[in-house]
Amino acid sequence: MNFLALSPAFCAANGILIIRFDGSSIYFGMLNVDDEVLKTRVKKTYTEYQCVFSKMETDEFNLKLSQLYSEEPLFPEKLQNESKANGFETDKRESIIDRITDDAPAVNLLNSIFLEAISKRASDIHIESGLCDAAIRYRIDGLMYIIKTISQERAIALSARLKILSNLNVLENRRPQDGHIDVRTDSYSLDVRISIIPTIWGESIVLRLLNRSDSPLSIDSLGFSQSHLEQLKNILLITSGLILVTGPTGSGKTTTLAAILKNLNINDSKIISIEDPVEYRIEGITQIQVHEDLDLSFDAILRRIFRQDPDIIMIGEIRDIETAELAIRAALTGHLVFATLHTNNAIEALYRLSNMGIPNYMLAAVLKMVIAQRLIRKGCQECGFYGCPHCSQKGYKGRTVIAEFIPVDTVLSDLISVGIGIEKMRIHLLKTGFRNLSDDAEEKIALNITNKSEVRRELGVQQ
């Protein structure tokens, strides 16, 4: 267990942290560097050392606080004992997320994990039990990173704490369990979705972090190339039919649809979305959460919302023939329907609904646009792929989108209706100037937004 010169409780209560110790001087970071009373108290505690104080921003302070439970000791035992003798480990107060107390290590550890994940812009937290210990990993910009390892005992304590918070069965460790909790900080309101599955070594716990504070991005800021951006804005002029957004899990489909919905005429239209989960909250849109255990599946909700007099419907995912048939029915009856589908590219999406059992003539009658997209990491603006403190030495920071668009005109509609083969469809599209994912990626490489290594990682062998 790491032994700290200042307890997390004292640091949280007083807004001060020890940054480093060089043998003769102790360097402190303070949220309020003008707090002379606190400075005097600290100097009286560490009389044998020079105390140096500097201003620390809130985000940096929160990150350092979150790391206290995973860092190696920075200070000699003599210094640690001095701080304890002067009572620095006895102060307690409400911390940013929950109460930090020295007699609740599971609470402290979970708090630190959440704070660090937020500061690193993680979308998911994984707690994975192994043979001897457990790994804590974050998914950042689509990739997994090991953050720390903890003992199996601490992993079990974390699991119990999460189960208590999400009203799950604490004694159950042989069956999967799903739940959610709310996590609030000064600047974040998170809806945390919890999935717990038993493994041969213990449990695998995945926490999906959905930031309720997030609002949908504007269409112009999504990262689409100029030609695709123009086609995306043309969607706002469509009044009926089916628009598909495709791609694997985590490819930004929901973000794209949320930006489109936000830019539609909300005041003059009744817009209903069916989502699992609701990731963006958009004022003026009726958003419905799927609850399979309450018989509120995509198709069950879709059957009922026709009585809600919608103009525009967004279906979070077409998973089965029932949902596909209802989506086609809605589009055929004059509604504008947006839906996501899991396919590798836009051309495959033209055939997926047919493979599910939708007649080609019906699909041809309603389909207006197919968008396929992926997310790729952007080069760090500070170092340009080399790695620096700004990007945690990764060379990348943030992600952008690469995409391919297939607008369905009269000619393409006729080809879909007669069931043209996929290779002939590909040849036809290439003759019309169709740009695939690799073409779009090449443009972003030329603009130095990303590089070939990142595109190869995401797309594999380029088409």
Protein backbone atom coordinates (compact mmCIF):
# COMPACT_ATOMS: atom_id res chain seq x y z
CA MET A 1 0.00 0.00 0.00
CA ASN A 2 1.34 3.43 -0.91
CA PHE A 3 2.05 5.59 2.10
CA LEU A 4 1.31 9.27 1.68
CA ALA A 5 2.75 12.27 3.46
CA LEU A 6 -0.55 14.13 3.15
CA SER A 7 -3.73 12.08 3.25
CA PRO A 8 -6.26 12.42 0.43
CA ALA A 9 -8.77 13.65 3.01
CA PHE A 10 -6.51 16.53 4.04
CA CYS A 11 -5.65 17.37 0.42
CA ALA A 12 -9.32 17.43 -0.63
CA ALA A 13 -10.35 19.47 2.41
CA ASN A 14 -7.63 22.10 2.07
CA GLY A 15 -6.91 22.23 -1.64
CA ILE A 16 -3.21 21.43 -1.34
CA LEU A 17 -0.95 18.68 -2.68
CA ILE A 18 2.71 17.80 -2.45
CA ILE A 19 4.07 17.88 -5.99
CA ARG A 20 7.62 16.70 -5.29
CA PHE A 21 10.36 16.44 -2.71
CA ASP A 22 14.06 16.92 -3.56
CA GLY A 23 15.61 16.17 -0.18
CA SER A 24 15.73 19.73 1.11
CA SER A 25 12.60 21.38 -0.34
CA ILE A 26 8.97 20.33 -0.52
CA TYR A 27 6.98 21.72 -3.45
CA PHE A 28 3.25 22.22 -2.84
CA GLY A 29 0.48 22.92 -5.34
CA MET A 30 -2.47 24.94 -4.00
CA LEU A 31 -5.88 25.78 -5.36
CA ASN A 32 -5.74 29.03 -3.38
CA VAL A 33 -2.14 30.12 -3.25
CA ASP A 34 -3.14 33.19 -1.19
CA ASP A 35 -4.23 31.08 1.81
CA GLU A 36 -1.57 32.32 4.25
CA VAL A 37 -3.10 30.45 7.21
CA LEU A 38 -2.67 27.10 5.46
CA LYS A 39 0.85 28.01 4.37
CA THR A 40 1.81 28.87 7.93
CA ARG A 41 0.38 25.58 9.22
CA VAL A 42 2.29 23.61 6.59
CA LYS A 43 5.57 25.44 7.34
CA LYS A 44 5.20 24.71 11.07
CA THR A 45 4.72 21.02 10.25
CA TYR A 46 7.78 20.75 8.00
CA THR A 47 10.21 23.04 9.87
CA GLU A 48 13.30 21.18 8.61
CA TYR A 49 12.48 21.75 4.96
CA GLN A 50 11.97 24.69 2.67
CA CYS A 51 8.32 24.89 1.60
CA VAL A 52 7.64 26.19 -1.91
CA PHE A 53 4.04 26.99 -2.90
CA SER A 54 2.59 27.43 -6.40
CA LYS A 55 -0.84 27.86 -7.96
CA MET A 56 -2.56 24.70 -9.24
CA GLU A 57 -5.57 24.68 -11.55
CA THR A 58 -8.65 22.70 -10.52
CA ASP A 59 -8.41 20.05 -13.27
CA GLU A 60 -4.75 19.40 -12.53
CA PHE A 61 -5.48 19.23 -8.80
CA ASN A 62 -8.29 16.72 -9.34
CA LEU A 63 -6.03 14.53 -11.45
CA LYS A 64 -3.22 14.57 -8.89
CA LEU A 65 -5.71 13.78 -6.13
CA SER A 66 -7.02 10.83 -8.11
CA GLN A 67 -3.49 9.46 -8.54
CA LEU A 68 -2.60 9.45 -4.85
CA TYR A 69 -3.68 5.85 -4.46
CA SER A 70 -1.51 4.53 -7.27
CA GLU A 71 1.75 6.49 -6.97
CA GLU A 72 4.90 5.21 -5.31
CA PRO A 73 5.98 7.00 -2.11
CA LEU A 74 7.77 10.25 -2.86
CA PHE A 75 8.98 11.02 0.64
CA PRO A 76 11.24 9.47 3.26
CA GLU A 77 9.69 7.69 6.24
CA LYS A 78 10.81 10.49 8.56
CA LEU A 79 8.76 13.00 6.54
CA GLN A 80 5.73 10.70 6.52
CA ASN A 81 5.89 10.25 10.26
CA GLU A 82 6.15 14.04 10.79
CA SER A 83 2.94 14.63 8.85
CA LYS A 84 1.07 11.98 10.82
CA ALA A 85 2.35 13.27 14.11
CA ASN A 86 1.00 16.72 13.29
CA GLY A 87 -2.47 15.40 12.57
CA PHE A 88 -2.48 15.90 8.83
CA GLU A 89 -4.23 12.57 8.22
CA THR A 90 -7.22 13.18 10.45
CA ASP A 91 -9.11 15.96 8.62
CA LYS A 92 -12.17 14.84 6.62
CA ARG A 93 -14.72 16.55 4.37
CA GLU A 94 -16.95 15.83 1.39
CA SER A 95 -14.69 15.24 -1.60
CA ILE A 96 -15.54 16.04 -5.20
CA ILE A 97 -17.45 12.80 -5.81
CA ASP A 98 -17.98 11.10 -2.49
CA ARG A 99 -16.62 11.11 1.05
CA ILE A 100 -12.92 10.32 1.25
CA THR A 101 -12.18 8.60 4.55
CA ASP A 102 -9.14 6.67 5.61
CA ASP A 103 -11.27 3.80 6.88
CA ALA A 104 -13.02 3.28 3.52
CA PRO A 105 -10.30 2.29 1.01
CA ALA A 106 -12.78 0.91 -1.54
CA VAL A 107 -14.61 4.25 -1.60
CA ASN A 108 -11.33 6.13 -1.95
CA LEU A 109 -10.04 3.88 -4.71
CA LEU A 110 -13.26 4.05 -6.73
CA ASN A 111 -13.32 7.84 -6.41
CA SER A 112 -9.75 8.08 -7.63
CA ILE A 113 -10.49 5.81 -10.61
CA PHE A 114 -13.43 7.96 -11.68
CA LEU A 115 -11.50 11.22 -11.30
CA GLU A 116 -8.55 9.94 -13.27
CA ALA A 117 -10.79 8.51 -16.01
CA ILE A 118 -12.55 11.86 -16.38
CA SER A 119 -9.28 13.76 -16.55
CA LYS A 120 -7.95 11.40 -19.23
CA ARG A 121 -11.16 11.66 -21.31
CA ALA A 122 -11.84 7.92 -20.98
CA SER A 123 -15.06 6.53 -22.40
CA ASP A 124 -14.90 3.23 -20.52
CA ILE A 125 -13.30 1.79 -17.39
CA HIS A 126 -12.43 -1.91 -17.28
CA ILE A 127 -11.69 -3.78 -14.04
CA GLU A 128 -10.47 -7.25 -15.02
CA SER A 129 -9.57 -9.98 -12.55
CA GLY A 130 -6.58 -12.15 -13.40
CA LEU A 131 -4.74 -15.06 -11.84
CA CYS A 132 -2.83 -13.06 -9.23
CA ASP A 133 -4.18 -9.52 -9.44
CA ALA A 134 -6.64 -7.31 -11.33
CA ALA A 135 -5.97 -4.80 -14.08
CA ILE A 136 -7.66 -1.42 -14.37
CA ARG A 137 -7.76 -0.21 -17.95
CA TYR A 138 -9.24 2.87 -19.62
CA ARG A 139 -10.47 3.20 -23.20
CA ILE A 140 -9.13 6.54 -24.46
CA ASP A 141 -9.70 7.69 -28.05
CA GLY A 142 -10.83 4.16 -28.87
CA LEU A 143 -7.75 2.33 -27.55
CA MET A 144 -7.28 0.44 -24.28
CA TYR A 145 -4.54 1.43 -21.80
CA ILE A 146 -3.52 -0.30 -18.58
CA ILE A 147 -3.56 2.32 -15.83
CA LYS A 148 -2.73 0.26 -12.76
CA THR A 149 -2.96 -3.17 -11.22
CA ILE A 150 -4.55 -3.90 -7.87
CA SER A 151 -4.84 -6.96 -5.66
CA GLN A 152 -7.72 -9.38 -6.06
CA GLU A 153 -8.95 -8.32 -2.63
CA ARG A 154 -9.23 -4.69 -3.71
CA ALA A 155 -10.96 -5.75 -6.94
CA ILE A 156 -13.54 -7.68 -4.91
CA ALA A 157 -14.04 -4.63 -2.68
CA LEU A 158 -14.54 -2.42 -5.77
CA SER A 159 -17.05 -4.88 -7.16
CA ALA A 160 -19.00 -4.89 -3.90
CA ARG A 161 -18.96 -1.09 -3.75
CA LEU A 162 -20.27 -0.78 -7.33
CA LYS A 163 -22.99 -3.35 -6.67
CA ILE A 164 -24.15 -1.46 -3.60
CA LEU A 165 -24.24 1.86 -5.49
CA SER A 166 -26.20 0.36 -8.40
CA ASN A 167 -28.60 -1.71 -6.27
CA LEU A 168 -27.28 -5.02 -7.56
CA ASN A 169 -26.95 -8.27 -5.62
CA VAL A 170 -23.67 -7.98 -3.71
CA LEU A 171 -23.59 -11.74 -2.99
CA GLU A 172 -24.11 -12.75 -6.61
CA ASN A 173 -20.87 -13.50 -8.44
CA ARG A 174 -21.91 -16.39 -10.68
CA ARG A 175 -24.35 -14.61 -12.99
CA PRO A 176 -24.01 -11.46 -15.13
CA GLN A 177 -25.49 -8.27 -13.71
CA ASP A 178 -26.18 -4.88 -15.30
CA GLY A 179 -26.89 -1.57 -13.58
CA HIS A 180 -26.08 2.11 -13.54
CA ILE A 181 -25.08 4.84 -11.12
CA ASP A 182 -24.90 8.62 -11.24
CA VAL A 183 -21.54 10.27 -10.63
CA ARG A 184 -21.36 14.02 -10.15
CA THR A 185 -18.36 16.33 -9.95
CA ASP A 186 -18.11 20.10 -10.04
CA SER A 187 -18.14 20.10 -13.85
CA TYR A 188 -19.43 16.67 -14.84
CA SER A 189 -22.65 14.71 -14.47
CA LEU A 190 -22.02 11.13 -15.52
CA ASP A 191 -24.46 8.32 -16.17
CA VAL A 192 -22.30 5.25 -15.56
CA ARG A 193 -23.55 2.01 -17.13
CA ILE A 194 -22.23 -1.06 -15.32
CA SER A 195 -21.77 -4.53 -16.80
CA ILE A 196 -20.45 -7.32 -14.55
CA ILE A 197 -19.71 -10.78 -15.95
CA PRO A 198 -18.13 -13.72 -14.05
CA THR A 199 -14.86 -15.07 -15.41
CA ILE A 200 -12.60 -17.98 -14.50
CA TRP A 201 -10.51 -15.63 -12.30
CA GLY A 202 -13.28 -13.58 -10.73
CA GLU A 203 -15.26 -10.85 -12.50
CA SER A 204 -14.91 -8.56 -15.48
CA ILE A 205 -16.44 -5.15 -14.77
CA VAL A 206 -16.97 -2.56 -17.49
CA LEU A 207 -18.12 0.97 -16.69
CA ARG A 208 -19.38 3.03 -19.63
CA LEU A 209 -19.09 6.75 -18.90
CA LEU A 210 -21.85 8.84 -20.48
CA ASN A 211 -21.40 12.53 -19.82
CA ARG A 212 -24.81 14.10 -19.28
CA SER A 213 -23.12 17.48 -19.45
CA ASP A 214 -22.25 16.85 -23.11
CA SER A 215 -24.36 18.49 -25.78
CA PRO A 216 -24.34 17.32 -29.41
CA LEU A 217 -21.64 18.79 -31.57
CA SER A 218 -22.55 21.09 -34.41
CA ILE A 219 -22.49 19.54 -37.86
CA ASP A 220 -19.55 21.76 -38.87
CA SER A 221 -17.42 20.54 -35.95
CA LEU A 222 -17.85 16.78 -36.49
CA GLY A 223 -14.73 16.55 -38.66
CA PHE A 224 -16.30 15.53 -41.98
CA SER A 225 -14.50 16.56 -45.16
CA GLN A 226 -15.98 19.49 -47.07
CA SER A 227 -17.66 17.36 -49.76
CA HIS A 228 -19.22 15.10 -47.13
CA LEU A 229 -20.24 18.09 -45.04
CA GLU A 230 -22.28 19.43 -47.94
CA GLN A 231 -24.07 16.09 -48.32
CA LEU A 232 -24.68 15.99 -44.58
CA LYS A 233 -26.35 19.39 -44.69
CA ASN A 234 -28.49 18.24 -47.62
CA ILE A 235 -30.02 15.67 -45.28
CA LEU A 236 -31.66 18.53 -43.40
CA LEU A 237 -33.76 19.20 -46.52
CA ILE A 238 -35.16 15.64 -46.75
CA THR A 239 -38.72 15.33 -45.43
CA SER A 240 -39.41 11.57 -45.64
CA GLY A 241 -37.63 8.28 -46.22
CA LEU A 242 -34.88 6.26 -44.55
CA ILE A 243 -31.35 7.44 -43.76
CA LEU A 244 -28.85 4.87 -42.50
CA VAL A 245 -25.67 5.60 -40.53
CA THR A 246 -23.43 2.55 -40.34
CA GLY A 247 -20.18 1.47 -38.78
CA PRO A 248 -18.84 -0.72 -35.96
CA THR A 249 -19.44 -0.04 -32.28
CA GLY A 250 -17.70 3.15 -31.18
CA SER A 251 -17.50 4.71 -34.64
CA GLY A 252 -19.41 7.87 -33.70
CA LYS A 253 -22.76 7.00 -35.31
CA THR A 254 -24.80 8.33 -32.38
CA THR A 255 -22.84 11.59 -32.32
CA THR A 256 -23.49 12.16 -36.02
CA LEU A 257 -27.21 11.47 -35.64
CA ALA A 258 -27.46 13.69 -32.55
CA ALA A 259 -25.87 16.57 -34.46
CA ILE A 260 -28.32 16.08 -37.33
CA LEU A 261 -31.34 15.92 -35.01
CA LYS A 262 -30.20 19.04 -33.18
CA ASN A 263 -30.09 20.93 -36.48
CA LEU A 264 -33.52 19.84 -37.69
CA ASN A 265 -36.52 22.13 -37.30
CA ILE A 266 -37.48 21.04 -33.81
CA ASN A 267 -40.14 23.73 -33.37
CA ASP A 268 -42.15 22.66 -36.42
CA SER A 269 -41.68 18.88 -36.06
CA LYS A 270 -42.37 16.13 -33.54
CA ILE A 271 -39.09 14.23 -33.21
CA ILE A 272 -38.91 10.97 -31.25
CA SER A 273 -35.72 8.98 -30.68
CA ILE A 274 -35.41 5.42 -29.34
CA GLU A 275 -31.96 4.85 -27.89
CA ASP A 276 -29.95 2.37 -25.84
CA PRO A 277 -28.56 4.22 -24.02
CA VAL A 278 -29.52 7.89 -24.39
CA GLU A 279 -26.08 9.47 -24.80
CA TYR A 280 -26.98 13.06 -25.69
CA ARG A 281 -29.90 14.93 -24.18
CA ILE A 282 -31.45 17.30 -26.72
CA GLU A 283 -33.99 19.89 -25.66
CA GLY A 284 -37.22 19.65 -27.66
CA ILE A 285 -36.82 16.01 -28.72
CA THR A 286 -38.76 13.15 -27.12
CA GLN A 287 -36.03 10.66 -26.19
CA ILE A 288 -36.98 7.16 -25.04
CA GLN A 289 -34.65 4.73 -23.27
CA VAL A 290 -34.80 1.06 -24.25
CA HIS A 291 -35.43 -1.28 -21.30
CA GLU A 292 -35.42 -4.90 -22.44
CA ASP A 293 -36.29 -6.18 -18.94
CA LEU A 294 -39.46 -4.04 -19.02
CA ASP A 295 -40.42 -5.28 -22.51
CA LEU A 296 -39.40 -1.92 -23.95
CA SER A 297 -37.28 -3.13 -26.85
CA PHE A 298 -36.67 -1.13 -30.03
CA ASP A 299 -39.51 -2.83 -31.90
CA ALA A 300 -41.92 -2.72 -28.94
CA ILE A 301 -41.43 1.04 -28.50
CA LEU A 302 -41.52 1.65 -32.24
CA ARG A 303 -44.96 0.02 -32.48
CA ARG A 304 -46.31 2.41 -29.88
CA ILE A 305 -44.79 5.71 -30.94
CA PHE A 306 -46.91 5.92 -34.10
CA ARG A 307 -49.72 7.02 -31.78
CA GLN A 308 -47.47 9.88 -30.64
CA ASP A 309 -47.89 11.58 -34.04
CA PRO A 310 -44.16 11.80 -34.90
CA ASP A 311 -42.75 13.53 -37.97
CA ILE A 312 -39.19 12.29 -37.50
CA ILE A 313 -38.08 9.06 -35.85
CA MET A 314 -34.57 8.06 -34.81
CA ILE A 315 -33.94 4.35 -34.14
CA GLY A 316 -30.73 3.80 -32.17
CA GLU A 317 -30.04 0.47 -33.87
CA ILE A 318 -31.78 -1.89 -36.28
CA ARG A 319 -31.00 -5.25 -34.70
CA ASP A 320 -33.63 -7.60 -36.15
CA ILE A 321 -36.23 -8.06 -38.87
CA GLU A 322 -39.03 -6.76 -36.64
CA THR A 323 -37.33 -3.41 -36.12
CA ALA A 324 -36.31 -3.26 -39.80
CA GLU A 325 -39.89 -3.84 -40.98
CA LEU A 326 -41.23 -1.16 -38.66
CA ALA A 327 -38.58 1.32 -39.83
CA ILE A 328 -39.51 0.67 -43.48
CA ARG A 329 -43.21 0.96 -42.65
CA ALA A 330 -42.63 4.32 -40.95
CA ALA A 331 -40.64 5.63 -43.94
CA LEU A 332 -43.27 4.38 -46.40
CA THR A 333 -46.01 6.27 -44.55
CA GLY A 334 -44.29 9.64 -44.93
CA HIS A 335 -42.04 9.79 -41.86
CA LEU A 336 -38.37 10.73 -41.94
CA VAL A 337 -36.53 7.83 -40.27
CA PHE A 338 -32.90 7.81 -39.10
CA ALA A 339 -31.36 4.53 -38.00
CA THR A 340 -27.98 2.96 -37.32
CA LEU A 341 -26.80 -0.38 -38.62
CA HIS A 342 -23.66 -2.39 -37.98
CA THR A 343 -21.86 -2.89 -41.30
CA ASN A 344 -18.25 -2.41 -42.36
CA ASN A 345 -19.02 0.02 -45.17
CA ALA A 346 -21.83 1.83 -46.95
CA ILE A 347 -22.13 -0.62 -49.85
CA GLU A 348 -22.72 -3.54 -47.48
CA ALA A 349 -25.50 -1.56 -45.81
CA LEU A 350 -27.41 -1.53 -49.11
CA TYR A 351 -27.70 -5.30 -48.81
CA ARG A 352 -28.00 -5.84 -45.06
CA LEU A 353 -31.71 -5.02 -44.85
CA SER A 354 -32.38 -7.19 -47.89
CA ASN A 355 -30.57 -10.06 -46.17
CA MET A 356 -32.78 -9.51 -43.13
CA GLY A 357 -35.83 -10.09 -45.30
CA ILE A 358 -36.85 -6.63 -46.51
CA PRO A 359 -37.99 -6.82 -50.18
CA ASN A 360 -35.70 -4.91 -52.54
CA TYR A 361 -38.54 -2.87 -54.02
CA MET A 362 -39.54 -1.61 -50.56
CA LEU A 363 -35.97 -0.70 -49.65
CA ALA A 364 -35.54 1.10 -52.99
CA ALA A 365 -38.72 3.08 -52.36
CA VAL A 366 -37.60 4.56 -49.00
CA LEU A 367 -33.80 4.66 -48.87
CA LYS A 368 -32.40 8.20 -49.31
CA MET A 369 -28.85 8.15 -47.96
CA VAL A 370 -26.30 5.73 -46.51
CA ILE A 371 -23.38 6.97 -44.43
CA ALA A 372 -20.56 4.73 -43.22
CA GLN A 373 -18.01 6.14 -40.80
CA ARG A 374 -15.06 5.35 -38.54
CA LEU A 375 -13.18 7.35 -35.94
CA ILE A 376 -9.41 7.76 -36.19
CA ARG A 377 -7.02 9.47 -33.82
CA LYS A 378 -5.73 12.92 -34.62
CA GLY A 379 -2.11 13.86 -34.28
CA CYS A 380 -1.25 15.91 -31.21
CA GLN A 381 -1.19 19.58 -32.19
CA GLU A 382 1.67 20.26 -29.78
CA CYS A 383 4.14 17.62 -30.94
CA GLY A 384 2.86 16.29 -34.27
CA PHE A 385 2.79 12.53 -33.56
CA TYR A 386 6.08 12.45 -31.62
CA GLY A 387 4.71 12.32 -28.08
CA CYS A 388 4.76 15.01 -25.40
CA PRO A 389 3.24 15.72 -21.96
CA HIS A 390 0.23 17.33 -23.68
CA CYS A 391 -0.77 13.98 -25.22
CA SER A 392 0.63 11.75 -22.43
CA GLN A 393 3.50 10.78 -24.76
CA LYS A 394 1.12 9.05 -27.19
CA GLY A 395 1.53 11.39 -30.16
CA TYR A 396 -2.24 11.53 -30.64
CA LYS A 397 -4.98 13.48 -28.93
CA GLY A 398 -8.65 13.40 -29.82
CA ARG A 399 -10.34 11.78 -32.79
CA THR A 400 -11.90 12.77 -36.08
CA VAL A 401 -14.18 11.02 -38.55
CA ILE A 402 -13.57 9.41 -41.90
CA ALA A 403 -16.63 8.51 -43.92
CA GLU A 404 -18.23 7.45 -47.17
CA PHE A 405 -21.62 8.68 -48.41
CA ILE A 406 -24.03 7.05 -50.84
CA PRO A 407 -26.90 9.34 -51.82
CA VAL A 408 -29.67 7.23 -53.37
CA ASP A 409 -30.79 8.85 -56.61
CA THR A 410 -33.28 7.48 -59.16
CA VAL A 411 -30.69 5.36 -60.99
CA LEU A 412 -29.36 3.79 -57.80
CA SER A 413 -32.90 3.20 -56.56
CA ASP A 414 -33.68 1.25 -59.71
CA LEU A 415 -30.54 -0.87 -59.28
CA ILE A 416 -31.49 -1.67 -55.68
CA SER A 417 -35.02 -2.58 -56.77
CA VAL A 418 -33.84 -5.21 -59.28
CA GLY A 419 -31.35 -6.67 -56.78
CA ILE A 420 -28.09 -5.89 -58.59
CA GLY A 421 -25.07 -7.79 -57.23
CA ILE A 422 -22.64 -6.13 -54.83
CA GLU A 423 -19.69 -6.07 -57.28
CA LYS A 424 -21.77 -4.48 -60.04
CA MET A 425 -23.03 -1.99 -57.46
CA ARG A 426 -19.44 -1.14 -56.53
CA ILE A 427 -18.52 -0.58 -60.19
CA HIS A 428 -21.55 1.67 -60.68
CA LEU A 429 -20.71 3.80 -57.64
CA LEU A 430 -17.07 4.21 -58.66
CA LYS A 431 -18.25 5.58 -62.02
CA THR A 432 -20.26 8.23 -60.15
CA GLY A 433 -17.20 9.49 -58.23
CA PHE A 434 -17.87 7.59 -55.02
CA ARG A 435 -15.13 8.14 -52.39
CA ASN A 436 -14.63 5.27 -49.93
CA LEU A 437 -13.23 5.34 -46.40
CA SER A 438 -9.65 4.99 -47.60
CA ASP A 439 -10.05 7.89 -50.03
CA ASP A 440 -11.35 10.11 -47.23
CA ALA A 441 -8.52 8.97 -44.95
CA GLU A 442 -5.93 9.86 -47.60
CA GLU A 443 -7.29 13.41 -47.67
CA LYS A 444 -6.86 13.71 -43.91
CA ILE A 445 -3.34 12.33 -44.13
CA ALA A 446 -2.51 14.95 -46.75
CA LEU A 447 -3.82 17.65 -44.41
CA ASN A 448 -1.60 16.24 -41.60
CA ILE A 449 -4.65 15.60 -39.44
CA THR A 450 -3.66 11.95 -39.00
CA ASN A 451 -1.05 9.59 -40.44
CA LYS A 452 -0.82 6.34 -42.39
CA SER A 453 -0.05 4.28 -39.30
CA GLU A 454 -3.31 5.33 -37.63
CA VAL A 455 -5.37 4.74 -40.77
CA ARG A 456 -3.81 1.30 -41.19
CA ARG A 457 -4.62 0.48 -37.58
CA GLU A 458 -8.29 1.40 -38.04
CA LEU A 459 -8.94 0.15 -41.58
CA GLY A 460 -6.39 -2.63 -41.92
CA VAL A 461 -5.33 -3.20 -45.52
CA GLN A 462 -6.60 -0.16 -47.39
CA GLN A 463 -9.19 -0.79 -50.03
